[in-house]
Amino acid sequence: MEKLNTVRQDWLGNVRADVLAGFVVALALIPEAIAFSLIAGVDPMVGLYASFIIAMVISIAGGRPGYSPESFKSHSVTSASPG
């Protein structure tokens, strides 16, 4: 029973701050995903879907505090075709 209380406190301890953090990340991630998709030469919807899926996986799997999915940025820059 103690384990259940610990898990509940970890997941539901500060819902207001977690929801606010989610909105802030979403507001920053949307234009960034569109911009890097355009750099990579793919449809911006692909970037939006990819960033959404990454954010959902990290939220379920339990990412570290302050983690930012940098792989999307580096992948889009390296896959951009010059010229």
C-alpha atoms as a PDB file:
ATOM      1  CA  MET A   1       0.000   0.000   0.000  1.00  0.00           C
ATOM      2  CA  GLU A   2       2.900   2.334   0.713  1.00  0.00           C
ATOM      3  CA  LYS A   3       4.159   1.830  -2.845  1.00  0.00           C
ATOM      4  CA  LEU A   4       0.758   2.859  -4.247  1.00  0.00           C
ATOM      5  CA  ASN A   5       0.784   6.055  -2.188  1.00  0.00           C
ATOM      6  CA  THR A   6       4.290   6.855  -3.399  1.00  0.00           C
ATOM      7  CA  VAL A   7       3.313   6.341  -7.045  1.00  0.00           C
ATOM      8  CA  ARG A   8       0.159   8.417  -6.584  1.00  0.00           C
ATOM      9  CA  GLN A   9       2.178  11.247  -5.004  1.00  0.00           C
ATOM     10  CA  ASP A  10       4.756  11.119  -7.806  1.00  0.00           C
ATOM     11  CA  TRP A  11       2.164  11.224 -10.598  1.00  0.00           C
ATOM     12  CA  LEU A  12      -0.479  13.477  -9.024  1.00  0.00           C
ATOM     13  CA  GLY A  13       1.592  15.549  -6.616  1.00  0.00           C
ATOM     14  CA  ASN A  14       1.517  18.803  -8.561  1.00  0.00           C
ATOM     15  CA  VAL A  15      -1.029  18.560 -11.370  1.00  0.00           C
ATOM     16  CA  ARG A  16      -1.356  22.326 -11.875  1.00  0.00           C
ATOM     17  CA  ALA A  17       2.373  22.804 -12.474  1.00  0.00           C
ATOM     18  CA  ASP A  18       2.500  19.761 -14.762  1.00  0.00           C
ATOM     19  CA  VAL A  19      -0.382  21.039 -16.913  1.00  0.00           C
ATOM     20  CA  LEU A  20       1.179  24.505 -17.116  1.00  0.00           C
ATOM     21  CA  ALA A  21       4.509  22.969 -18.123  1.00  0.00           C
ATOM     22  CA  GLY A  22       2.752  20.956 -20.820  1.00  0.00           C
ATOM     23  CA  PHE A  23       1.166  24.080 -22.297  1.00  0.00           C
ATOM     24  CA  VAL A  24       4.475  25.937 -22.299  1.00  0.00           C
ATOM     25  CA  VAL A  25       6.240  23.069 -24.048  1.00  0.00           C
ATOM     26  CA  ALA A  26       3.436  22.790 -26.603  1.00  0.00           C
ATOM     27  CA  LEU A  27       3.609  26.523 -27.367  1.00  0.00           C
ATOM     28  CA  ALA A  28       7.359  26.320 -27.905  1.00  0.00           C
ATOM     29  CA  LEU A  29       7.319  23.006 -29.769  1.00  0.00           C
ATOM     30  CA  ILE A  30       4.751  23.859 -32.449  1.00  0.00           C
ATOM     31  CA  PRO A  31       6.670  26.631 -34.280  1.00  0.00           C
ATOM     32  CA  GLU A  32       9.947  24.787 -33.737  1.00  0.00           C
ATOM     33  CA  ALA A  33       8.610  21.573 -35.284  1.00  0.00           C
ATOM     34  CA  ILE A  34       7.235  23.488 -38.264  1.00  0.00           C
ATOM     35  CA  ALA A  35      10.483  25.380 -38.806  1.00  0.00           C
ATOM     36  CA  PHE A  36      12.730  22.332 -38.643  1.00  0.00           C
ATOM     37  CA  SER A  37      10.353  20.392 -40.902  1.00  0.00           C
ATOM     38  CA  LEU A  38      10.675  23.114 -43.503  1.00  0.00           C
ATOM     39  CA  ILE A  39      14.466  23.010 -43.131  1.00  0.00           C
ATOM     40  CA  ALA A  40      14.395  19.252 -43.711  1.00  0.00           C
ATOM     41  CA  GLY A  41      12.147  19.703 -46.726  1.00  0.00           C
ATOM     42  CA  VAL A  42       9.226  17.639 -45.417  1.00  0.00           C
ATOM     43  CA  ASP A  43       5.604  18.529 -44.850  1.00  0.00           C
ATOM     44  CA  PRO A  44       5.192  20.503 -41.590  1.00  0.00           C
ATOM     45  CA  MET A  45       2.458  18.093 -40.491  1.00  0.00           C
ATOM     46  CA  VAL A  46       5.076  15.327 -40.403  1.00  0.00           C
ATOM     47  CA  GLY A  47       7.124  17.369 -37.947  1.00  0.00           C
ATOM     48  CA  LEU A  48       4.083  18.156 -35.822  1.00  0.00           C
ATOM     49  CA  TYR A  49       3.030  14.515 -35.638  1.00  0.00           C
ATOM     50  CA  ALA A  50       6.588  13.380 -34.892  1.00  0.00           C
ATOM     51  CA  SER A  51       7.073  15.919 -32.104  1.00  0.00           C
ATOM     52  CA  PHE A  52       3.672  15.060 -30.617  1.00  0.00           C
ATOM     53  CA  ILE A  53       4.478  11.347 -30.578  1.00  0.00           C
ATOM     54  CA  ILE A  54       7.881  11.991 -28.994  1.00  0.00           C
ATOM     55  CA  ALA A  55       6.298  14.183 -26.314  1.00  0.00           C
ATOM     56  CA  MET A  56       3.648  11.539 -25.537  1.00  0.00           C
ATOM     57  CA  VAL A  57       6.202   8.739 -25.284  1.00  0.00           C
ATOM     58  CA  ILE A  58       8.394  10.818 -22.977  1.00  0.00           C
ATOM     59  CA  SER A  59       5.441  11.788 -20.782  1.00  0.00           C
ATOM     60  CA  ILE A  60       4.349   8.163 -20.411  1.00  0.00           C
ATOM     61  CA  ALA A  61       7.839   6.700 -20.054  1.00  0.00           C
ATOM     62  CA  GLY A  62       8.855   9.360 -17.547  1.00  0.00           C
ATOM     63  CA  GLY A  63      11.534  11.608 -18.941  1.00  0.00           C
ATOM     64  CA  ARG A  64      13.969  13.608 -16.868  1.00  0.00           C
ATOM     65  CA  PRO A  65      13.068  17.116 -15.623  1.00  0.00           C
ATOM     66  CA  GLY A  66      14.117  19.732 -18.130  1.00  0.00           C
ATOM     67  CA  TYR A  67      14.485  17.184 -20.927  1.00  0.00           C
ATOM     68  CA  SER A  68      14.059  18.454 -24.456  1.00  0.00           C
ATOM     69  CA  PRO A  69      13.803  16.082 -27.421  1.00  0.00           C
ATOM     70  CA  GLU A  70      16.834  17.358 -29.283  1.00  0.00           C
ATOM     71  CA  SER A  71      16.923  14.421 -31.676  1.00  0.00           C
ATOM     72  CA  PHE A  72      14.184  16.005 -33.776  1.00  0.00           C
ATOM     73  CA  LYS A  73      16.283  19.116 -34.333  1.00  0.00           C
ATOM     74  CA  SER A  74      19.507  17.369 -35.183  1.00  0.00           C
ATOM     75  CA  HIS A  75      17.773  14.858 -37.434  1.00  0.00           C
ATOM     76  CA  SER A  76      15.988  17.573 -39.411  1.00  0.00           C
ATOM     77  CA  VAL A  77      19.165  19.609 -39.865  1.00  0.00           C
ATOM     78  CA  THR A  78      21.250  16.644 -40.981  1.00  0.00           C
ATOM     79  CA  SER A  79      18.602  15.398 -43.401  1.00  0.00           C
ATOM     80  CA  ALA A  80      18.147  18.788 -45.083  1.00  0.00           C
ATOM     81  CA  SER A  81      19.309  18.823 -48.656  1.00  0.00           C
ATOM     82  CA  PRO A  82      21.688  21.656 -49.582  1.00  0.00           C
ATOM     83  CA  GLY A  83      20.673  23.995 -52.330  1.00  0.00           C
END
